[in-house]
Amino acid sequence: MRRDEVYNITGARESAQTERQARTRRYLISMAIRTVCFIAAILVSGWLTWVLFAAAIILPYISVVVANTVVRPISPLGMPPIILKDTTELPAGHPDRT
């Protein structure tokens, strides 16, 4: 019995659908927290009411910014991949240079 090898391509990006699902999930969790803040603000009293209302007002902005953030893969060295131009050129006047 021959088993096919599975290759792990670490530098490959996630599919657009997987990335979109993850961003949607983060946004829905943030909006659920916002809903809890609104409900809790109604049920409590004192300064905590204003803190919860403020959180419920600010949270949509933060949620949209976080949900629209696209995660880019990092190279194994921790730096973005750089494609360097091959700088080897023939000198001017060389017969093979066109």
N, C-alpha and C. Protein backbone atom coordinates (compact mmCIF):
# COMPACT_ATOMS: atom_id res chain seq x y z
N MET A 1 0.83 -1.18 0.00
CA MET A 1 0.00 0.00 0.00
C MET A 1 0.87 1.24 0.00
N ARG A 2 0.59 2.12 -0.94
CA ARG A 2 1.36 3.35 -1.04
C ARG A 2 0.55 4.51 -0.47
N ARG A 3 1.16 5.25 0.39
CA ARG A 3 0.47 6.42 0.97
C ARG A 3 0.97 7.66 0.27
N ASP A 4 0.05 8.52 -0.11
CA ASP A 4 0.43 9.78 -0.72
C ASP A 4 0.99 10.71 0.36
N GLU A 5 2.04 11.41 0.00
CA GLU A 5 2.63 12.36 0.93
C GLU A 5 1.81 13.64 0.94
N VAL A 6 1.69 14.23 2.10
CA VAL A 6 1.00 15.50 2.23
C VAL A 6 2.05 16.57 2.46
N TYR A 7 2.03 17.59 1.62
CA TYR A 7 3.02 18.65 1.72
C TYR A 7 2.43 19.83 2.47
N ASN A 8 3.21 20.40 3.34
CA ASN A 8 2.79 21.57 4.09
C ASN A 8 3.51 22.78 3.51
N ILE A 9 2.74 23.69 2.93
CA ILE A 9 3.32 24.88 2.35
C ILE A 9 3.12 26.00 3.36
N THR A 10 4.13 26.30 4.13
CA THR A 10 3.97 27.26 5.23
C THR A 10 3.86 28.69 4.76
N GLY A 11 4.37 29.00 3.59
CA GLY A 11 4.32 30.37 3.12
C GLY A 11 3.03 30.72 2.38
N ALA A 12 2.16 29.74 2.18
CA ALA A 12 0.93 29.99 1.43
C ALA A 12 -0.09 30.71 2.29
N ARG A 13 -0.85 31.59 1.66
CA ARG A 13 -1.91 32.32 2.36
C ARG A 13 -3.13 31.43 2.52
N GLU A 14 -3.97 31.82 3.47
CA GLU A 14 -5.24 31.13 3.62
C GLU A 14 -6.11 31.44 2.42
N SER A 15 -7.09 30.59 2.17
CA SER A 15 -8.01 30.89 1.08
C SER A 15 -8.84 32.11 1.46
N ALA A 16 -9.37 32.79 0.46
CA ALA A 16 -10.17 33.99 0.72
C ALA A 16 -11.40 33.65 1.56
N GLN A 17 -11.98 32.50 1.30
CA GLN A 17 -13.17 32.10 2.05
C GLN A 17 -12.84 31.85 3.52
N THR A 18 -11.75 31.18 3.80
CA THR A 18 -11.36 30.91 5.18
C THR A 18 -11.04 32.20 5.92
N GLU A 19 -10.35 33.11 5.23
CA GLU A 19 -10.01 34.39 5.84
C GLU A 19 -11.27 35.21 6.13
N ARG A 20 -12.21 35.22 5.18
CA ARG A 20 -13.46 35.95 5.36
C ARG A 20 -14.28 35.37 6.51
N GLN A 21 -14.31 34.04 6.62
CA GLN A 21 -15.04 33.41 7.73
C GLN A 21 -14.43 33.78 9.07
N ALA A 22 -13.13 33.83 9.16
CA ALA A 22 -12.46 34.19 10.42
C ALA A 22 -12.76 35.63 10.79
N ARG A 23 -12.74 36.53 9.79
CA ARG A 23 -13.04 37.94 10.06
C ARG A 23 -14.50 38.12 10.47
N THR A 24 -15.40 37.37 9.82
CA THR A 24 -16.82 37.44 10.17
C THR A 24 -17.04 36.96 11.59
N ARG A 25 -16.36 35.88 11.96
CA ARG A 25 -16.48 35.33 13.32
C ARG A 25 -16.02 36.35 14.36
N ARG A 26 -14.87 37.01 14.09
CA ARG A 26 -14.37 38.03 15.02
C ARG A 26 -15.36 39.18 15.16
N TYR A 27 -15.96 39.59 14.03
CA TYR A 27 -16.92 40.70 14.07
C TYR A 27 -18.16 40.30 14.86
N LEU A 28 -18.68 39.10 14.64
CA LEU A 28 -19.88 38.66 15.35
C LEU A 28 -19.63 38.53 16.85
N ILE A 29 -18.45 38.07 17.23
CA ILE A 29 -18.12 37.99 18.66
C ILE A 29 -18.08 39.39 19.27
N SER A 30 -17.49 40.34 18.56
CA SER A 30 -17.44 41.72 19.05
C SER A 30 -18.84 42.31 19.20
N MET A 31 -19.71 42.03 18.25
CA MET A 31 -21.07 42.56 18.32
C MET A 31 -21.87 41.88 19.44
N ALA A 32 -21.56 40.62 19.72
CA ALA A 32 -22.20 39.96 20.85
C ALA A 32 -21.77 40.61 22.17
N ILE A 33 -20.49 40.95 22.27
CA ILE A 33 -19.98 41.64 23.46
C ILE A 33 -20.65 43.00 23.58
N ARG A 34 -20.85 43.68 22.45
CA ARG A 34 -21.53 44.99 22.47
C ARG A 34 -22.96 44.86 22.99
N THR A 35 -23.65 43.82 22.55
CA THR A 35 -25.02 43.59 23.01
C THR A 35 -25.05 43.34 24.52
N VAL A 36 -24.09 42.57 25.00
CA VAL A 36 -24.00 42.30 26.44
C VAL A 36 -23.73 43.61 27.19
N CYS A 37 -22.90 44.49 26.62
CA CYS A 37 -22.64 45.78 27.26
C CYS A 37 -23.91 46.62 27.37
N PHE A 38 -24.71 46.65 26.30
CA PHE A 38 -25.96 47.40 26.34
C PHE A 38 -26.91 46.85 27.40
N ILE A 39 -27.08 45.54 27.41
CA ILE A 39 -27.99 44.92 28.39
C ILE A 39 -27.49 45.15 29.81
N ALA A 40 -26.18 44.97 30.02
CA ALA A 40 -25.62 45.17 31.35
C ALA A 40 -25.74 46.63 31.79
N ALA A 41 -25.60 47.57 30.85
CA ALA A 41 -25.71 48.99 31.18
C ALA A 41 -27.11 49.33 31.67
N ILE A 42 -28.10 48.63 31.15
CA ILE A 42 -29.47 48.86 31.59
C ILE A 42 -29.71 48.27 32.98
N LEU A 43 -29.06 47.17 33.27
CA LEU A 43 -29.31 46.45 34.52
C LEU A 43 -28.52 46.99 35.71
N VAL A 44 -27.38 47.65 35.46
CA VAL A 44 -26.57 48.14 36.58
C VAL A 44 -26.82 49.64 36.78
N SER A 45 -26.26 50.15 37.84
CA SER A 45 -26.42 51.59 38.08
C SER A 45 -25.07 52.19 38.47
N GLY A 46 -25.04 53.51 38.48
CA GLY A 46 -23.81 54.21 38.87
C GLY A 46 -22.89 54.44 37.70
N TRP A 47 -21.61 54.60 38.00
CA TRP A 47 -20.62 54.90 36.97
C TRP A 47 -20.43 53.76 35.98
N LEU A 48 -20.70 52.54 36.43
CA LEU A 48 -20.53 51.38 35.55
C LEU A 48 -21.49 51.44 34.36
N THR A 49 -22.66 52.05 34.55
CA THR A 49 -23.61 52.22 33.44
C THR A 49 -22.97 53.01 32.31
N TRP A 50 -22.31 54.12 32.66
CA TRP A 50 -21.69 54.97 31.64
C TRP A 50 -20.50 54.29 30.98
N VAL A 51 -19.76 53.52 31.74
CA VAL A 51 -18.63 52.79 31.15
C VAL A 51 -19.13 51.76 30.14
N LEU A 52 -20.20 51.04 30.50
CA LEU A 52 -20.74 50.03 29.60
C LEU A 52 -21.36 50.66 28.34
N PHE A 53 -22.06 51.80 28.51
CA PHE A 53 -22.60 52.50 27.34
C PHE A 53 -21.46 53.00 26.44
N ALA A 54 -20.42 53.53 27.02
CA ALA A 54 -19.28 53.99 26.23
C ALA A 54 -18.64 52.83 25.47
N ALA A 55 -18.50 51.69 26.15
CA ALA A 55 -17.94 50.51 25.48
C ALA A 55 -18.83 50.07 24.32
N ALA A 56 -20.15 50.13 24.54
CA ALA A 56 -21.09 49.72 23.49
C ALA A 56 -21.06 50.68 22.30
N ILE A 57 -20.73 51.93 22.55
CA ILE A 57 -20.66 52.91 21.46
C ILE A 57 -19.34 52.81 20.70
N ILE A 58 -18.24 52.57 21.40
CA ILE A 58 -16.92 52.52 20.78
C ILE A 58 -16.65 51.17 20.11
N LEU A 59 -17.23 50.11 20.63
CA LEU A 59 -16.95 48.76 20.14
C LEU A 59 -17.23 48.55 18.65
N PRO A 60 -18.28 49.11 18.05
CA PRO A 60 -18.48 48.89 16.61
C PRO A 60 -17.32 49.40 15.76
N TYR A 61 -16.76 50.53 16.10
CA TYR A 61 -15.61 51.06 15.34
C TYR A 61 -14.44 50.09 15.44
N ILE A 62 -14.14 49.67 16.65
CA ILE A 62 -13.02 48.74 16.85
C ILE A 62 -13.29 47.43 16.12
N SER A 63 -14.53 46.96 16.17
CA SER A 63 -14.89 45.69 15.52
C SER A 63 -14.69 45.76 14.01
N VAL A 64 -15.09 46.86 13.41
CA VAL A 64 -14.95 47.00 11.96
C VAL A 64 -13.48 47.07 11.57
N VAL A 65 -12.69 47.80 12.32
CA VAL A 65 -11.26 47.90 12.03
C VAL A 65 -10.60 46.53 12.15
N VAL A 66 -10.92 45.80 13.22
CA VAL A 66 -10.32 44.48 13.42
C VAL A 66 -10.81 43.50 12.36
N ALA A 67 -12.11 43.55 12.03
CA ALA A 67 -12.65 42.61 11.05
C ALA A 67 -12.09 42.86 9.66
N ASN A 68 -11.74 44.10 9.34
CA ASN A 68 -11.21 44.41 8.02
C ASN A 68 -9.70 44.26 7.92
N THR A 69 -9.06 43.90 9.01
CA THR A 69 -7.62 43.69 9.00
C THR A 69 -7.32 42.34 8.37
N VAL A 70 -6.54 42.36 7.33
CA VAL A 70 -6.16 41.13 6.64
C VAL A 70 -4.82 40.67 7.18
N VAL A 71 -4.77 39.44 7.62
CA VAL A 71 -3.54 38.90 8.20
C VAL A 71 -2.66 38.39 7.06
N ARG A 72 -1.46 38.91 6.99
CA ARG A 72 -0.50 38.49 5.96
C ARG A 72 0.48 37.49 6.58
N PRO A 73 0.81 36.43 5.86
CA PRO A 73 1.77 35.47 6.40
C PRO A 73 3.16 36.08 6.51
N ILE A 74 3.89 35.66 7.50
CA ILE A 74 5.24 36.16 7.73
C ILE A 74 6.21 35.07 7.28
N SER A 75 7.32 35.49 6.72
CA SER A 75 8.32 34.52 6.30
C SER A 75 8.94 33.87 7.55
N PRO A 76 9.58 32.72 7.39
CA PRO A 76 10.17 32.05 8.56
C PRO A 76 11.15 32.90 9.34
N LEU A 77 11.76 33.89 8.70
CA LEU A 77 12.73 34.74 9.39
C LEU A 77 12.07 35.90 10.11
N GLY A 78 10.74 36.02 9.99
CA GLY A 78 10.03 37.11 10.64
C GLY A 78 9.97 38.37 9.81
N MET A 79 10.47 38.33 8.60
CA MET A 79 10.44 39.48 7.72
C MET A 79 9.57 39.16 6.52
N PRO A 80 8.94 40.18 5.93
CA PRO A 80 8.15 39.89 4.73
C PRO A 80 9.05 39.40 3.61
N PRO A 81 8.51 38.52 2.76
CA PRO A 81 9.36 38.01 1.68
C PRO A 81 9.73 39.13 0.71
N ILE A 82 10.97 39.14 0.30
CA ILE A 82 11.47 40.16 -0.61
C ILE A 82 12.01 39.46 -1.85
N ILE A 83 11.59 39.92 -2.99
CA ILE A 83 12.10 39.37 -4.24
C ILE A 83 13.15 40.35 -4.76
N LEU A 84 14.37 39.88 -4.80
CA LEU A 84 15.46 40.73 -5.24
C LEU A 84 15.69 40.54 -6.73
N LYS A 85 15.94 41.63 -7.41
CA LYS A 85 16.25 41.56 -8.84
C LYS A 85 17.67 41.03 -8.99
N ASP A 86 17.82 40.15 -9.96
CA ASP A 86 19.16 39.65 -10.24
C ASP A 86 19.95 40.80 -10.83
N THR A 87 20.98 41.21 -10.14
CA THR A 87 21.73 42.40 -10.57
C THR A 87 22.90 42.07 -11.48
N THR A 88 23.03 40.81 -11.86
CA THR A 88 24.11 40.45 -12.75
C THR A 88 23.75 40.90 -14.16
N GLU A 89 24.48 41.88 -14.68
CA GLU A 89 24.23 42.38 -16.02
C GLU A 89 25.54 42.41 -16.80
N LEU A 90 25.38 42.32 -18.07
CA LEU A 90 26.57 42.44 -18.92
C LEU A 90 26.98 43.90 -19.00
N PRO A 91 28.26 44.16 -19.07
CA PRO A 91 28.69 45.56 -19.16
C PRO A 91 28.25 46.17 -20.50
N ALA A 92 28.14 47.49 -20.51
CA ALA A 92 27.77 48.20 -21.75
C ALA A 92 28.80 47.91 -22.82
N GLY A 93 28.33 47.69 -24.02
CA GLY A 93 29.24 47.41 -25.14
C GLY A 93 29.59 45.95 -25.29
N HIS A 94 29.13 45.07 -24.43
CA HIS A 94 29.41 43.64 -24.54
C HIS A 94 28.65 43.10 -25.74
N PRO A 95 29.24 42.22 -26.52
CA PRO A 95 28.58 41.74 -27.76
C PRO A 95 27.28 40.96 -27.50
N ASP A 96 27.12 40.34 -26.34
CA ASP A 96 25.90 39.58 -26.08
C ASP A 96 24.77 40.46 -25.55
N ARG A 97 25.06 41.70 -25.20
CA ARG A 97 24.02 42.59 -24.65
C ARG A 97 23.21 43.17 -25.80
N THR A 98 21.89 43.09 -25.67
CA THR A 98 21.04 43.64 -26.73
C THR A 98 20.47 44.96 -26.34
